[in-house]
Amino acid sequence: MIGIIGGSGFYKLVQGLKEIKVETPYGPPSEKIAVGKMAGRQIAFLPRHNRTHDIPPHKINYRANLWALSSLGVDHILAVTAAGSLQAKYQPADFLVIDQFVDRTWGRPDSFYDGPRVTHISAAYAYCPALNQLIYQTGRSLNIRIFPKATVVVINGPRFSSMAESQWYTKMGWDLINMTQYPEVILAKELKMGYSALAVVTDYDAGLVAQGQVKPVSAATVLKKFQESMPKAKKLVLTLIKHWPKKLKCDCHLALAGARLS
C-alpha cells in the first residue's frame, strides 16, 4: 500500500475513497485516513494538518500519523510539503525532491524507541533513494521544473525565521526551509517504511529578502502559492502512482538492521 501525506489541496484527488478512523498507542492521528484504489493501486491518504488545516506544525501528532499508516500496511510514503527557498536559484512554484534534512526543532516526540530496548537508527540516508529517483523522473516526464536533490532545514514554527537565522541557513548552503519534515521522515524510517518528500517552493525566505529578492514571507503568500502549484503536484502524484513499480528496489525495510543494542 502506498501512503500519501499531503495538504487539503489533495482532497479532490482522493474523493470516493473510504475514510477510516485508526486508533494508535500514541493518540489520534491528524485525521481519518482515506483508503482505496487510485490508478489501480491501493493508497492511504492522510492530511498532515487535519482536513481544515487547524493543527500547527509543532502540535502535529507525528508518531500517531506514522504508526497509523504503518498499521494499515503502508510500506512507502510520498509526502507533499510546502517549503521556503533559501537559495535564489530555487524559485516559487519550483519542485524539489528532498534527500537530506537538518533538524532545528525542539520538544517534539521524535522516536518510537524510548526504552527499555535501546535503538540507534541511522539517519545518514533518511529518504528513500529509489522513490526519490522515481519522483524526479516522473516530474521530468511531465516537463515540470523539478530538482533531484535538496537539503531542508526544519524549524519548529509556528513563527517564520528571523532574517539573521535565515541568512545563516543560506550561508550554510542549505536549500529549503520547512516546519514538518522532522520528525516525520525519521519516524517512517523507524517503522521500516520508505519515505520521500516532494517540496513545493512557496516563497523566498527572510534572508533572501535582505538580498533584495522579494517582500518578507507571510502565511497568506505561502498558502496562495501552494494552492497555485496544486494542479501540477496532483498530476505528478497521479502519474507517479500509475507507473509505480510492483516492487521498489531499496533497503528501507532493513532500517533496523544493526540498530538495536540488545
C-alpha atoms as a PDB file:
ATOM      1  CA  MET A   1       0.000   0.000   0.000  1.00  0.00           C
ATOM      2  CA  ILE A   2       1.212   3.495  -0.898  1.00  0.00           C
ATOM      3  CA  GLY A   3       0.916   6.182   1.776  1.00  0.00           C
ATOM      4  CA  ILE A   4       0.363   9.803   0.808  1.00  0.00           C
ATOM      5  CA  ILE A   5       0.747  12.628   3.306  1.00  0.00           C
ATOM      6  CA  GLY A   6      -0.425  15.954   1.981  1.00  0.00           C
ATOM      7  CA  GLY A   7      -2.498  19.040   2.474  1.00  0.00           C
ATOM      8  CA  SER A   8      -6.146  19.864   1.999  1.00  0.00           C
ATOM      9  CA  GLY A   9      -5.477  20.514  -1.690  1.00  0.00           C
ATOM     10  CA  PHE A  10      -5.371  16.756  -2.265  1.00  0.00           C
ATOM     11  CA  TYR A  11      -8.879  16.004  -1.034  1.00  0.00           C
ATOM     12  CA  LYS A  12     -10.391  16.262  -4.516  1.00  0.00           C
ATOM     13  CA  LEU A  13      -7.768  13.815  -5.744  1.00  0.00           C
ATOM     14  CA  VAL A  14      -8.868  11.162  -3.253  1.00  0.00           C
ATOM     15  CA  GLN A  15     -12.638  11.630  -3.454  1.00  0.00           C
ATOM     16  CA  GLY A  16     -14.500   8.337  -3.431  1.00  0.00           C
ATOM     17  CA  LEU A  17     -12.094   6.616  -1.070  1.00  0.00           C
ATOM     18  CA  LYS A  18     -13.303   5.176   2.218  1.00  0.00           C
ATOM     19  CA  GLU A  19     -12.362   7.156   5.320  1.00  0.00           C
ATOM     20  CA  ILE A  20     -11.465   5.075   8.351  1.00  0.00           C
ATOM     21  CA  LYS A  21     -10.644   6.006  11.920  1.00  0.00           C
ATOM     22  CA  VAL A  22      -7.417   4.472  13.192  1.00  0.00           C
ATOM     23  CA  GLU A  23      -6.595   4.276  16.886  1.00  0.00           C
ATOM     24  CA  THR A  24      -2.945   4.251  17.905  1.00  0.00           C
ATOM     25  CA  PRO A  25      -0.940   3.843  21.133  1.00  0.00           C
ATOM     26  CA  TYR A  26       0.129   7.486  20.672  1.00  0.00           C
ATOM     27  CA  GLY A  27      -3.311   9.044  20.454  1.00  0.00           C
ATOM     28  CA  PRO A  28      -5.342  10.036  17.413  1.00  0.00           C
ATOM     29  CA  PRO A  29      -3.759  10.839  14.035  1.00  0.00           C
ATOM     30  CA  SER A  30      -4.359  14.230  12.444  1.00  0.00           C
ATOM     31  CA  GLU A  31      -7.461  12.980  10.643  1.00  0.00           C
ATOM     32  CA  LYS A  32      -9.274   9.895   9.426  1.00  0.00           C
ATOM     33  CA  ILE A  33      -7.319   8.075   6.738  1.00  0.00           C
ATOM     34  CA  ALA A  34      -8.777   7.743   3.242  1.00  0.00           C
ATOM     35  CA  VAL A  35      -8.071   4.279   1.811  1.00  0.00           C
ATOM     36  CA  GLY A  36      -8.904   2.643  -1.502  1.00  0.00           C
ATOM     37  CA  LYS A  37      -7.712   2.319  -5.072  1.00  0.00           C
ATOM     38  CA  MET A  38      -6.243   5.088  -7.178  1.00  0.00           C
ATOM     39  CA  ALA A  39      -4.904   4.383 -10.667  1.00  0.00           C
ATOM     40  CA  GLY A  40      -5.107   0.694  -9.866  1.00  0.00           C
ATOM     41  CA  ARG A  41      -3.008   0.880  -6.708  1.00  0.00           C
ATOM     42  CA  GLN A  42      -4.011   0.709  -3.047  1.00  0.00           C
ATOM     43  CA  ILE A  43      -3.358   4.007  -1.293  1.00  0.00           C
ATOM     44  CA  ALA A  44      -3.833   5.535   2.147  1.00  0.00           C
ATOM     45  CA  PHE A  45      -4.096   9.322   2.292  1.00  0.00           C
ATOM     46  CA  LEU A  46      -3.576  11.359   5.454  1.00  0.00           C
ATOM     47  CA  PRO A  47      -3.873  15.171   5.672  1.00  0.00           C
ATOM     48  CA  ARG A  48      -0.988  16.262   7.886  1.00  0.00           C
ATOM     49  CA  HIS A  49      -2.700  19.336   9.372  1.00  0.00           C
ATOM     50  CA  ASN A  50      -6.244  17.912   9.559  1.00  0.00           C
ATOM     51  CA  ARG A  51      -8.972  18.388   6.970  1.00  0.00           C
ATOM     52  CA  THR A  52      -9.499  22.015   7.986  1.00  0.00           C
ATOM     53  CA  HIS A  53      -5.780  22.760   8.443  1.00  0.00           C
ATOM     54  CA  ASP A  54      -6.164  23.636  12.101  1.00  0.00           C
ATOM     55  CA  ILE A  55      -3.188  21.730  13.567  1.00  0.00           C
ATOM     56  CA  PRO A  56       0.006  23.837  13.597  1.00  0.00           C
ATOM     57  CA  PRO A  57       3.321  22.140  12.725  1.00  0.00           C
ATOM     58  CA  HIS A  58       4.621  21.910  16.281  1.00  0.00           C
ATOM     59  CA  LYS A  59       1.374  20.302  17.504  1.00  0.00           C
ATOM     60  CA  ILE A  60       1.067  17.541  14.893  1.00  0.00           C
ATOM     61  CA  ASN A  61       0.966  14.068  16.415  1.00  0.00           C
ATOM     62  CA  TYR A  62       3.667  12.708  14.117  1.00  0.00           C
ATOM     63  CA  ARG A  63       4.013   9.389  15.922  1.00  0.00           C
ATOM     64  CA  ALA A  64       0.296   8.670  15.661  1.00  0.00           C
ATOM     65  CA  ASN A  65       0.270   9.614  11.980  1.00  0.00           C
ATOM     66  CA  LEU A  66       3.136   7.332  11.010  1.00  0.00           C
ATOM     67  CA  TRP A  67       2.041   4.474  13.251  1.00  0.00           C
ATOM     68  CA  ALA A  68      -1.460   4.610  11.755  1.00  0.00           C
ATOM     69  CA  LEU A  69      -0.159   4.400   8.183  1.00  0.00           C
ATOM     70  CA  SER A  70       2.161   1.532   9.058  1.00  0.00           C
ATOM     71  CA  SER A  71      -0.670  -0.364  10.762  1.00  0.00           C
ATOM     72  CA  LEU A  72      -2.643  -0.255   7.507  1.00  0.00           C
ATOM     73  CA  GLY A  73       0.165  -1.946   5.591  1.00  0.00           C
ATOM     74  CA  VAL A  74       1.844   1.095   4.044  1.00  0.00           C
ATOM     75  CA  ASP A  75       5.429   0.327   3.034  1.00  0.00           C
ATOM     76  CA  HIS A  76       6.340   3.571   1.213  1.00  0.00           C
ATOM     77  CA  ILE A  77       5.199   7.133   1.829  1.00  0.00           C
ATOM     78  CA  LEU A  78       5.086  10.055  -0.560  1.00  0.00           C
ATOM     79  CA  ALA A  79       4.798  13.354   1.298  1.00  0.00           C
ATOM     80  CA  VAL A  80       3.955  16.632  -0.403  1.00  0.00           C
ATOM     81  CA  THR A  81       5.013  19.702   1.540  1.00  0.00           C
ATOM     82  CA  ALA A  82       5.373  23.459   1.229  1.00  0.00           C
ATOM     83  CA  ALA A  83       8.841  24.923   1.688  1.00  0.00           C
ATOM     84  CA  GLY A  84      10.623  28.257   1.528  1.00  0.00           C
ATOM     85  CA  SER A  85      13.647  28.769  -0.696  1.00  0.00           C
ATOM     86  CA  LEU A  86      16.990  29.559   0.929  1.00  0.00           C
ATOM     87  CA  GLN A  87      18.830  29.897  -2.380  1.00  0.00           C
ATOM     88  CA  ALA A  88      17.975  32.383  -5.120  1.00  0.00           C
ATOM     89  CA  LYS A  89      18.134  29.728  -7.850  1.00  0.00           C
ATOM     90  CA  TYR A  90      15.092  27.942  -6.422  1.00  0.00           C
ATOM     91  CA  GLN A  91      12.041  29.982  -7.357  1.00  0.00           C
ATOM     92  CA  PRO A  92       8.462  29.945  -6.071  1.00  0.00           C
ATOM     93  CA  ALA A  93       6.498  27.166  -7.841  1.00  0.00           C
ATOM     94  CA  ASP A  94       9.646  25.049  -8.298  1.00  0.00           C
ATOM     95  CA  PHE A  95       9.556  21.414  -7.156  1.00  0.00           C
ATOM     96  CA  LEU A  96      12.452  19.848  -5.250  1.00  0.00           C
ATOM     97  CA  VAL A  97      12.976  16.262  -4.123  1.00  0.00           C
ATOM     98  CA  ILE A  98      14.343  16.330  -0.564  1.00  0.00           C
ATOM     99  CA  ASP A  99      17.234  13.984   0.189  1.00  0.00           C
ATOM    100  CA  GLN A 100      18.714  15.429   3.421  1.00  0.00           C
ATOM    101  CA  PHE A 101      17.414  17.237   6.493  1.00  0.00           C
ATOM    102  CA  VAL A 102      18.827  19.446   9.249  1.00  0.00           C
ATOM    103  CA  ASP A 103      16.776  19.339  12.455  1.00  0.00           C
ATOM    104  CA  ARG A 104      16.269  22.654  14.241  1.00  0.00           C
ATOM    105  CA  THR A 105      13.057  21.661  16.050  1.00  0.00           C
ATOM    106  CA  TRP A 106      12.636  21.136  19.785  1.00  0.00           C
ATOM    107  CA  GLY A 107      10.175  19.449  22.141  1.00  0.00           C
ATOM    108  CA  ARG A 108       8.680  17.106  19.562  1.00  0.00           C
ATOM    109  CA  PRO A 109       8.419  13.391  20.443  1.00  0.00           C
ATOM    110  CA  ASP A 110      10.676  12.035  17.712  1.00  0.00           C
ATOM    111  CA  SER A 111      11.139   8.312  18.326  1.00  0.00           C
ATOM    112  CA  PHE A 112       9.142   5.145  18.903  1.00  0.00           C
ATOM    113  CA  TYR A 113      12.077   3.749  20.880  1.00  0.00           C
ATOM    114  CA  ASP A 114      12.094   5.366  24.310  1.00  0.00           C
ATOM    115  CA  GLY A 115      13.436   2.241  26.034  1.00  0.00           C
ATOM    116  CA  PRO A 116      13.974  -0.170  27.579  1.00  0.00           C
ATOM    117  CA  ARG A 117      15.161  -1.601  24.234  1.00  0.00           C
ATOM    118  CA  VAL A 118      17.858   0.837  23.090  1.00  0.00           C
ATOM    119  CA  THR A 119      17.718   1.548  19.347  1.00  0.00           C
ATOM    120  CA  HIS A 120      20.013   3.885  17.407  1.00  0.00           C
ATOM    121  CA  ILE A 121      18.691   4.233  13.872  1.00  0.00           C
ATOM    122  CA  SER A 122      20.895   5.678  11.129  1.00  0.00           C
ATOM    123  CA  ALA A 123      19.716   8.972   9.658  1.00  0.00           C
ATOM    124  CA  ALA A 124      22.540   9.240   7.114  1.00  0.00           C
ATOM    125  CA  TYR A 125      20.150   8.484   4.249  1.00  0.00           C
ATOM    126  CA  ALA A 126      16.723   9.013   5.729  1.00  0.00           C
ATOM    127  CA  TYR A 127      14.910   9.429   2.400  1.00  0.00           C
ATOM    128  CA  CYS A 128      14.242   6.519   0.047  1.00  0.00           C
ATOM    129  CA  PRO A 129      16.659   6.858  -2.894  1.00  0.00           C
ATOM    130  CA  ALA A 130      14.597   4.646  -5.205  1.00  0.00           C
ATOM    131  CA  LEU A 131      11.379   6.602  -4.645  1.00  0.00           C
ATOM    132  CA  ASN A 132      13.252   9.921  -4.858  1.00  0.00           C
ATOM    133  CA  GLN A 133      14.561   8.957  -8.284  1.00  0.00           C
ATOM    134  CA  LEU A 134      11.096   7.862  -9.414  1.00  0.00           C
ATOM    135  CA  ILE A 135       9.593  11.197  -8.319  1.00  0.00           C
ATOM    136  CA  TYR A 136      12.257  13.153 -10.169  1.00  0.00           C
ATOM    137  CA  GLN A 137      11.919  11.126 -13.368  1.00  0.00           C
ATOM    138  CA  THR A 138       8.130  11.476 -13.277  1.00  0.00           C
ATOM    139  CA  GLY A 139       8.394  15.242 -12.862  1.00  0.00           C
ATOM    140  CA  ARG A 140      10.807  15.492 -15.781  1.00  0.00           C
ATOM    141  CA  SER A 141       8.485  13.432 -17.980  1.00  0.00           C
ATOM    142  CA  LEU A 142       5.728  15.979 -17.300  1.00  0.00           C
ATOM    143  CA  ASN A 143       8.022  18.942 -18.097  1.00  0.00           C
ATOM    144  CA  ILE A 144       7.769  20.185 -14.528  1.00  0.00           C
ATOM    145  CA  ARG A 145      10.639  22.324 -13.248  1.00  0.00           C
ATOM    146  CA  ILE A 146      11.978  19.878 -10.670  1.00  0.00           C
ATOM    147  CA  PHE A 147      15.337  19.355  -8.941  1.00  0.00           C
ATOM    148  CA  PRO A 148      16.572  15.890  -7.845  1.00  0.00           C
ATOM    149  CA  LYS A 149      18.241  16.801  -4.544  1.00  0.00           C
ATOM    150  CA  ALA A 150      17.686  19.288  -1.742  1.00  0.00           C
ATOM    151  CA  THR A 151      18.636  19.735   1.899  1.00  0.00           C
ATOM    152  CA  VAL A 152      15.836  21.077   4.078  1.00  0.00           C
ATOM    153  CA  VAL A 153      16.353  22.753   7.441  1.00  0.00           C
ATOM    154  CA  VAL A 154      13.353  22.067   9.669  1.00  0.00           C
ATOM    155  CA  ILE A 155      12.371  24.768  12.142  1.00  0.00           C
ATOM    156  CA  ASN A 156       9.885  24.385  14.960  1.00  0.00           C
ATOM    157  CA  GLY A 157       7.419  27.074  13.991  1.00  0.00           C
ATOM    158  CA  PRO A 158       4.815  28.319  14.044  1.00  0.00           C
ATOM    159  CA  ARG A 159       6.751  31.556  13.504  1.00  0.00           C
ATOM    160  CA  PHE A 160       8.881  32.098  10.426  1.00  0.00           C
ATOM    161  CA  SER A 161      12.648  32.627  10.705  1.00  0.00           C
ATOM    162  CA  SER A 162      14.290  35.873  11.687  1.00  0.00           C
ATOM    163  CA  MET A 163      16.410  37.452   8.980  1.00  0.00           C
ATOM    164  CA  ALA A 164      19.599  36.533  10.863  1.00  0.00           C
ATOM    165  CA  GLU A 165      18.541  32.891  11.178  1.00  0.00           C
ATOM    166  CA  SER A 166      17.606  32.703   7.524  1.00  0.00           C
ATOM    167  CA  GLN A 167      20.881  34.246   6.384  1.00  0.00           C
ATOM    168  CA  TRP A 168      22.746  31.686   8.476  1.00  0.00           C
ATOM    169  CA  TYR A 169      20.842  28.798   6.840  1.00  0.00           C
ATOM    170  CA  THR A 170      21.578  30.220   3.397  1.00  0.00           C
ATOM    171  CA  LYS A 171      25.292  30.625   4.156  1.00  0.00           C
ATOM    172  CA  MET A 172      25.390  27.017   5.334  1.00  0.00           C
ATOM    173  CA  GLY A 173      24.374  26.020   1.822  1.00  0.00           C
ATOM    174  CA  TRP A 174      21.018  24.503   2.753  1.00  0.00           C
ATOM    175  CA  ASP A 175      18.330  24.709   0.081  1.00  0.00           C
ATOM    176  CA  LEU A 176      14.906  24.781   1.719  1.00  0.00           C
ATOM    177  CA  ILE A 177      13.200  25.624   4.989  1.00  0.00           C
ATOM    178  CA  ASN A 178      10.139  23.829   6.329  1.00  0.00           C
ATOM    179  CA  MET A 179       8.320  23.074   9.604  1.00  0.00           C
ATOM    180  CA  THR A 180       7.100  19.479   9.211  1.00  0.00           C
ATOM    181  CA  GLN A 181       9.789  17.225   7.716  1.00  0.00           C
ATOM    182  CA  TYR A 182      11.177  16.342  11.144  1.00  0.00           C
ATOM    183  CA  PRO A 183      10.347  14.010  12.816  1.00  0.00           C
ATOM    184  CA  GLU A 184       8.029  12.737  10.078  1.00  0.00           C
ATOM    185  CA  VAL A 185      10.830  11.302   7.947  1.00  0.00           C
ATOM    186  CA  ILE A 186      12.730   9.615  10.768  1.00  0.00           C
ATOM    187  CA  LEU A 187       9.608   8.088  12.319  1.00  0.00           C
ATOM    188  CA  ALA A 188       8.797   6.494   8.963  1.00  0.00           C
ATOM    189  CA  LYS A 189      12.294   5.037   8.893  1.00  0.00           C
ATOM    190  CA  GLU A 190      11.935   3.662  12.424  1.00  0.00           C
ATOM    191  CA  LEU A 191       8.882   1.755  11.198  1.00  0.00           C
ATOM    192  CA  LYS A 192      10.828   0.466   8.170  1.00  0.00           C
ATOM    193  CA  MET A 193       8.747   2.455   5.688  1.00  0.00           C
ATOM    194  CA  GLY A 194      10.422   4.119   2.733  1.00  0.00           C
ATOM    195  CA  TYR A 195       9.792   7.879   2.780  1.00  0.00           C
ATOM    196  CA  SER A 196      10.194  10.587   0.140  1.00  0.00           C
ATOM    197  CA  ALA A 197       9.145  14.225   0.135  1.00  0.00           C
ATOM    198  CA  LEU A 198       8.222  16.441  -2.791  1.00  0.00           C
ATOM    199  CA  ALA A 199       8.714  20.057  -1.753  1.00  0.00           C
ATOM    200  CA  VAL A 200       6.783  22.840  -3.436  1.00  0.00           C
ATOM    201  CA  VAL A 201       8.595  26.175  -3.148  1.00  0.00           C
ATOM    202  CA  THR A 202       6.120  28.814  -1.983  1.00  0.00           C
ATOM    203  CA  ASP A 203       8.372  31.781  -1.184  1.00  0.00           C
ATOM    204  CA  TYR A 204      11.863  33.155  -0.677  1.00  0.00           C
ATOM    205  CA  ASP A 205      12.869  33.050   2.975  1.00  0.00           C
ATOM    206  CA  ALA A 206      13.723  36.119   5.037  1.00  0.00           C
ATOM    207  CA  GLY A 207      17.483  36.012   4.425  1.00  0.00           C
ATOM    208  CA  LEU A 208      16.999  36.361   0.696  1.00  0.00           C
ATOM    209  CA  VAL A 209      14.730  39.319   1.334  1.00  0.00           C
ATOM    210  CA  ALA A 210      17.804  41.077   2.732  1.00  0.00           C
ATOM    211  CA  GLN A 211      19.480  40.430  -0.611  1.00  0.00           C
ATOM    212  CA  GLY A 212      16.672  42.190  -2.441  1.00  0.00           C
ATOM    213  CA  GLN A 213      14.618  39.228  -3.623  1.00  0.00           C
ATOM    214  CA  VAL A 214      11.039  39.924  -2.503  1.00  0.00           C
ATOM    215  CA  LYS A 215       8.963  41.061   0.441  1.00  0.00           C
ATOM    216  CA  PRO A 216       9.141  39.031   3.693  1.00  0.00           C
ATOM    217  CA  VAL A 217       7.152  35.810   3.687  1.00  0.00           C
ATOM    218  CA  SER A 218       3.616  35.700   5.055  1.00  0.00           C
ATOM    219  CA  ALA A 219       1.225  32.837   5.748  1.00  0.00           C
ATOM    220  CA  ALA A 220      -1.162  34.177   3.096  1.00  0.00           C
ATOM    221  CA  THR A 221       1.613  34.179   0.484  1.00  0.00           C
ATOM    222  CA  VAL A 222       2.613  30.613   1.310  1.00  0.00           C
ATOM    223  CA  LEU A 223      -0.967  29.325   1.079  1.00  0.00           C
ATOM    224  CA  LYS A 224      -1.652  31.170  -2.181  1.00  0.00           C
ATOM    225  CA  LYS A 225       1.456  29.864  -3.947  1.00  0.00           C
ATOM    226  CA  PHE A 226       0.935  26.338  -2.618  1.00  0.00           C
ATOM    227  CA  GLN A 227      -2.629  26.256  -3.936  1.00  0.00           C
ATOM    228  CA  GLU A 228      -1.463  27.595  -7.304  1.00  0.00           C
ATOM    229  CA  SER A 229       1.020  24.717  -7.530  1.00  0.00           C
ATOM    230  CA  MET A 230      -1.515  22.040  -6.616  1.00  0.00           C
ATOM    231  CA  PRO A 231      -2.633  21.148 -10.176  1.00  0.00           C
ATOM    232  CA  LYS A 232       0.942  20.258 -11.144  1.00  0.00           C
ATOM    233  CA  ALA A 233       1.539  18.456  -7.857  1.00  0.00           C
ATOM    234  CA  LYS A 234      -1.637  16.387  -8.264  1.00  0.00           C
ATOM    235  CA  LYS A 235      -0.735  15.494 -11.844  1.00  0.00           C
ATOM    236  CA  LEU A 236       2.733  14.397 -10.749  1.00  0.00           C
ATOM    237  CA  VAL A 237       1.387  12.278  -7.887  1.00  0.00           C
ATOM    238  CA  LEU A 238      -1.292  10.631 -10.042  1.00  0.00           C
ATOM    239  CA  THR A 239       1.215   9.862 -12.811  1.00  0.00           C
ATOM    240  CA  LEU A 240       3.665   8.515 -10.232  1.00  0.00           C
ATOM    241  CA  ILE A 241       1.052   6.158  -8.803  1.00  0.00           C
ATOM    242  CA  LYS A 242       0.064   4.954 -12.294  1.00  0.00           C
ATOM    243  CA  HIS A 243       3.668   3.981 -13.015  1.00  0.00           C
ATOM    244  CA  TRP A 244       4.558   2.746  -9.539  1.00  0.00           C
ATOM    245  CA  PRO A 245       6.638  -0.445  -9.885  1.00  0.00           C
ATOM    246  CA  LYS A 246       5.440  -3.691  -8.314  1.00  0.00           C
ATOM    247  CA  LYS A 247       8.462  -3.540  -6.035  1.00  0.00           C
ATOM    248  CA  LEU A 248      10.761  -0.600  -5.314  1.00  0.00           C
ATOM    249  CA  LYS A 249      14.386  -1.702  -5.142  1.00  0.00           C
ATOM    250  CA  CYS A 250      15.511  -0.144  -1.870  1.00  0.00           C
ATOM    251  CA  ASP A 251      16.731  -1.184   1.567  1.00  0.00           C
ATOM    252  CA  CYS A 252      14.246   0.857   3.596  1.00  0.00           C
ATOM    253  CA  HIS A 253      12.774  -2.314   5.108  1.00  0.00           C
ATOM    254  CA  LEU A 254      16.197  -3.040   6.633  1.00  0.00           C
ATOM    255  CA  ALA A 255      16.304   0.207   8.629  1.00  0.00           C
ATOM    256  CA  LEU A 256      16.519  -1.562  11.997  1.00  0.00           C
ATOM    257  CA  ALA A 257      19.288  -3.955  10.993  1.00  0.00           C
ATOM    258  CA  GLY A 258      22.169  -3.364  13.407  1.00  0.00           C
ATOM    259  CA  ALA A 259      20.332  -0.528  15.187  1.00  0.00           C
ATOM    260  CA  ARG A 260      19.474  -2.346  18.409  1.00  0.00           C
ATOM    261  CA  LEU A 261      21.908  -2.967  21.231  1.00  0.00           C
ATOM    262  CA  SER A 262      20.002  -5.914  22.653  1.00  0.00           C
END
